[in-house]
Amino acid sequence: MRKIQRFADACWEGFTLQHVSEKEVVTPYVVFFILTFIFELFLALLFISSVFIFGSFGYQPNFLYYLSGVILMLMLLMTVPLLMTTIKGNKTIIMAKK
């Protein structure tokens, strides 16, 4: 169990760039996560609007449609804390000027 916990901690440290101090690496990474978050919000908007459209026409989507909605929510729930932690942990690097 400890190995899994250490692996999860190492993954989190890698995802949040805790041991990286180069602005050339951190800034594009943060921009990528911001764009990822915007794209996930767009997908969530499409998913919600399709639920209403399907309901108005009486169409019942299959299980995979609802599974994709759950996966999208899990992605959103993972992206937000990752983005917040990365920005908070590397704020001095991101704001530094050359």
C-alpha atoms as a PDB file:
ATOM      1  CA  MET A   1       0.000   0.000   0.000  1.00  0.00           C
ATOM      2  CA  ARG A   2       2.862   2.376   0.766  1.00  0.00           C
ATOM      3  CA  LYS A   3       4.296   1.816  -2.700  1.00  0.00           C
ATOM      4  CA  ILE A   4       1.028   2.934  -4.274  1.00  0.00           C
ATOM      5  CA  GLN A   5       0.945   5.991  -2.037  1.00  0.00           C
ATOM      6  CA  ARG A   6       4.545   6.897  -2.902  1.00  0.00           C
ATOM      7  CA  PHE A   7       3.754   6.398  -6.582  1.00  0.00           C
ATOM      8  CA  ALA A   8       0.707   8.675  -6.318  1.00  0.00           C
ATOM      9  CA  ASP A   9       2.762  11.323  -4.518  1.00  0.00           C
ATOM     10  CA  ALA A  10       5.472  11.134  -7.175  1.00  0.00           C
ATOM     11  CA  CYS A  11       2.850  11.503  -9.920  1.00  0.00           C
ATOM     12  CA  TRP A  12       1.324  14.521  -8.182  1.00  0.00           C
ATOM     13  CA  GLU A  13       4.752  16.128  -7.773  1.00  0.00           C
ATOM     14  CA  GLY A  14       5.430  15.511 -11.448  1.00  0.00           C
ATOM     15  CA  PHE A  15       2.087  16.880 -12.598  1.00  0.00           C
ATOM     16  CA  THR A  16       2.420  20.031 -10.483  1.00  0.00           C
ATOM     17  CA  LEU A  17       6.089  20.613 -11.403  1.00  0.00           C
ATOM     18  CA  GLN A  18       7.208  20.887  -7.786  1.00  0.00           C
ATOM     19  CA  HIS A  19      10.852  20.210  -8.616  1.00  0.00           C
ATOM     20  CA  VAL A  20      11.038  22.328 -11.778  1.00  0.00           C
ATOM     21  CA  SER A  21      12.272  25.899 -11.554  1.00  0.00           C
ATOM     22  CA  GLU A  22      12.743  26.868 -15.194  1.00  0.00           C
ATOM     23  CA  LYS A  23      10.360  29.511 -16.512  1.00  0.00           C
ATOM     24  CA  GLU A  24      10.704  28.105 -20.034  1.00  0.00           C
ATOM     25  CA  VAL A  25       9.088  24.872 -18.816  1.00  0.00           C
ATOM     26  CA  VAL A  26       6.545  26.168 -16.305  1.00  0.00           C
ATOM     27  CA  THR A  27       4.887  28.890 -18.395  1.00  0.00           C
ATOM     28  CA  PRO A  28       3.921  26.709 -21.396  1.00  0.00           C
ATOM     29  CA  TYR A  29       2.774  23.997 -18.993  1.00  0.00           C
ATOM     30  CA  VAL A  30       0.422  26.417 -17.220  1.00  0.00           C
ATOM     31  CA  VAL A  31      -0.848  27.773 -20.556  1.00  0.00           C
ATOM     32  CA  PHE A  32      -1.499  24.189 -21.688  1.00  0.00           C
ATOM     33  CA  PHE A  33      -3.532  23.471 -18.549  1.00  0.00           C
ATOM     34  CA  ILE A  34      -5.517  26.697 -18.951  1.00  0.00           C
ATOM     35  CA  LEU A  35      -6.361  25.739 -22.539  1.00  0.00           C
ATOM     36  CA  THR A  36      -7.205  22.213 -21.391  1.00  0.00           C
ATOM     37  CA  PHE A  37      -9.588  23.615 -18.785  1.00  0.00           C
ATOM     38  CA  ILE A  38     -11.276  25.874 -21.349  1.00  0.00           C
ATOM     39  CA  PHE A  39     -11.679  22.934 -23.742  1.00  0.00           C
ATOM     40  CA  GLU A  40     -13.144  20.765 -20.972  1.00  0.00           C
ATOM     41  CA  LEU A  41     -15.639  23.506 -20.134  1.00  0.00           C
ATOM     42  CA  PHE A  42     -16.603  23.628 -23.809  1.00  0.00           C
ATOM     43  CA  LEU A  43     -17.104  19.855 -23.841  1.00  0.00           C
ATOM     44  CA  ALA A  44     -19.189  20.067 -20.666  1.00  0.00           C
ATOM     45  CA  LEU A  45     -21.362  22.742 -22.293  1.00  0.00           C
ATOM     46  CA  LEU A  46     -21.828  20.505 -25.347  1.00  0.00           C
ATOM     47  CA  PHE A  47     -22.692  17.545 -23.131  1.00  0.00           C
ATOM     48  CA  ILE A  48     -25.273  19.510 -21.137  1.00  0.00           C
ATOM     49  CA  SER A  49     -26.840  21.020 -24.253  1.00  0.00           C
ATOM     50  CA  SER A  50     -27.028  17.600 -25.892  1.00  0.00           C
ATOM     51  CA  VAL A  51     -28.869  16.257 -22.844  1.00  0.00           C
ATOM     52  CA  PHE A  52     -31.532  18.919 -23.343  1.00  0.00           C
ATOM     53  CA  ILE A  53     -31.703  18.357 -27.103  1.00  0.00           C
ATOM     54  CA  PHE A  54     -31.996  14.590 -26.662  1.00  0.00           C
ATOM     55  CA  GLY A  55     -34.707  15.100 -24.061  1.00  0.00           C
ATOM     56  CA  SER A  56     -36.738  17.386 -26.283  1.00  0.00           C
ATOM     57  CA  PHE A  57     -36.720  14.872 -29.149  1.00  0.00           C
ATOM     58  CA  GLY A  58     -37.320  11.845 -26.927  1.00  0.00           C
ATOM     59  CA  TYR A  59     -34.007  10.163 -27.773  1.00  0.00           C
ATOM     60  CA  GLN A  60     -32.461   7.905 -25.129  1.00  0.00           C
ATOM     61  CA  PRO A  61     -28.656   7.746 -25.453  1.00  0.00           C
ATOM     62  CA  ASN A  62     -26.852   4.553 -24.572  1.00  0.00           C
ATOM     63  CA  PHE A  63     -24.634   3.770 -21.594  1.00  0.00           C
ATOM     64  CA  LEU A  64     -21.450   4.981 -23.292  1.00  0.00           C
ATOM     65  CA  TYR A  65     -22.874   8.489 -23.627  1.00  0.00           C
ATOM     66  CA  TYR A  66     -23.419   8.734 -19.877  1.00  0.00           C
ATOM     67  CA  LEU A  67     -20.043   7.124 -19.208  1.00  0.00           C
ATOM     68  CA  SER A  68     -18.375   9.819 -21.306  1.00  0.00           C
ATOM     69  CA  GLY A  69     -20.113  12.449 -19.168  1.00  0.00           C
ATOM     70  CA  VAL A  70     -18.727  10.852 -16.005  1.00  0.00           C
ATOM     71  CA  ILE A  71     -15.233  10.729 -17.507  1.00  0.00           C
ATOM     72  CA  LEU A  72     -15.533  14.384 -18.498  1.00  0.00           C
ATOM     73  CA  MET A  73     -16.487  15.318 -14.929  1.00  0.00           C
ATOM     74  CA  LEU A  74     -13.542  13.348 -13.553  1.00  0.00           C
ATOM     75  CA  MET A  75     -11.226  15.150 -15.974  1.00  0.00           C
ATOM     76  CA  LEU A  76     -12.587  18.514 -14.840  1.00  0.00           C
ATOM     77  CA  LEU A  77     -12.217  17.531 -11.197  1.00  0.00           C
ATOM     78  CA  MET A  78      -8.591  16.594 -11.840  1.00  0.00           C
ATOM     79  CA  THR A  79      -7.658  19.591 -14.000  1.00  0.00           C
ATOM     80  CA  VAL A  80      -8.811  22.302 -11.589  1.00  0.00           C
ATOM     81  CA  PRO A  81      -6.706  21.269  -8.558  1.00  0.00           C
ATOM     82  CA  LEU A  82      -3.731  20.535 -10.798  1.00  0.00           C
ATOM     83  CA  LEU A  83      -3.923  23.983 -12.338  1.00  0.00           C
ATOM     84  CA  MET A  84      -4.399  25.705  -8.979  1.00  0.00           C
ATOM     85  CA  THR A  85      -1.506  23.843  -7.345  1.00  0.00           C
ATOM     86  CA  THR A  86       0.815  24.436 -10.286  1.00  0.00           C
ATOM     87  CA  ILE A  87       0.087  28.169 -10.364  1.00  0.00           C
ATOM     88  CA  LYS A  88       0.321  28.502  -6.591  1.00  0.00           C
ATOM     89  CA  GLY A  89       3.535  26.504  -6.304  1.00  0.00           C
ATOM     90  CA  ASN A  90       5.289  28.219  -9.210  1.00  0.00           C
ATOM     91  CA  LYS A  91       3.882  31.727  -8.832  1.00  0.00           C
ATOM     92  CA  THR A  92       7.300  33.315  -8.359  1.00  0.00           C
ATOM     93  CA  ILE A  93       8.641  31.536 -11.438  1.00  0.00           C
ATOM     94  CA  ILE A  94       5.678  32.484 -13.615  1.00  0.00           C
ATOM     95  CA  MET A  95       5.738  36.142 -12.553  1.00  0.00           C
ATOM     96  CA  ALA A  96       9.554  36.508 -12.748  1.00  0.00           C
ATOM     97  CA  LYS A  97      10.946  38.783 -15.414  1.00  0.00           C
ATOM     98  CA  LYS A  98      14.259  38.287 -17.157  1.00  0.00           C
END
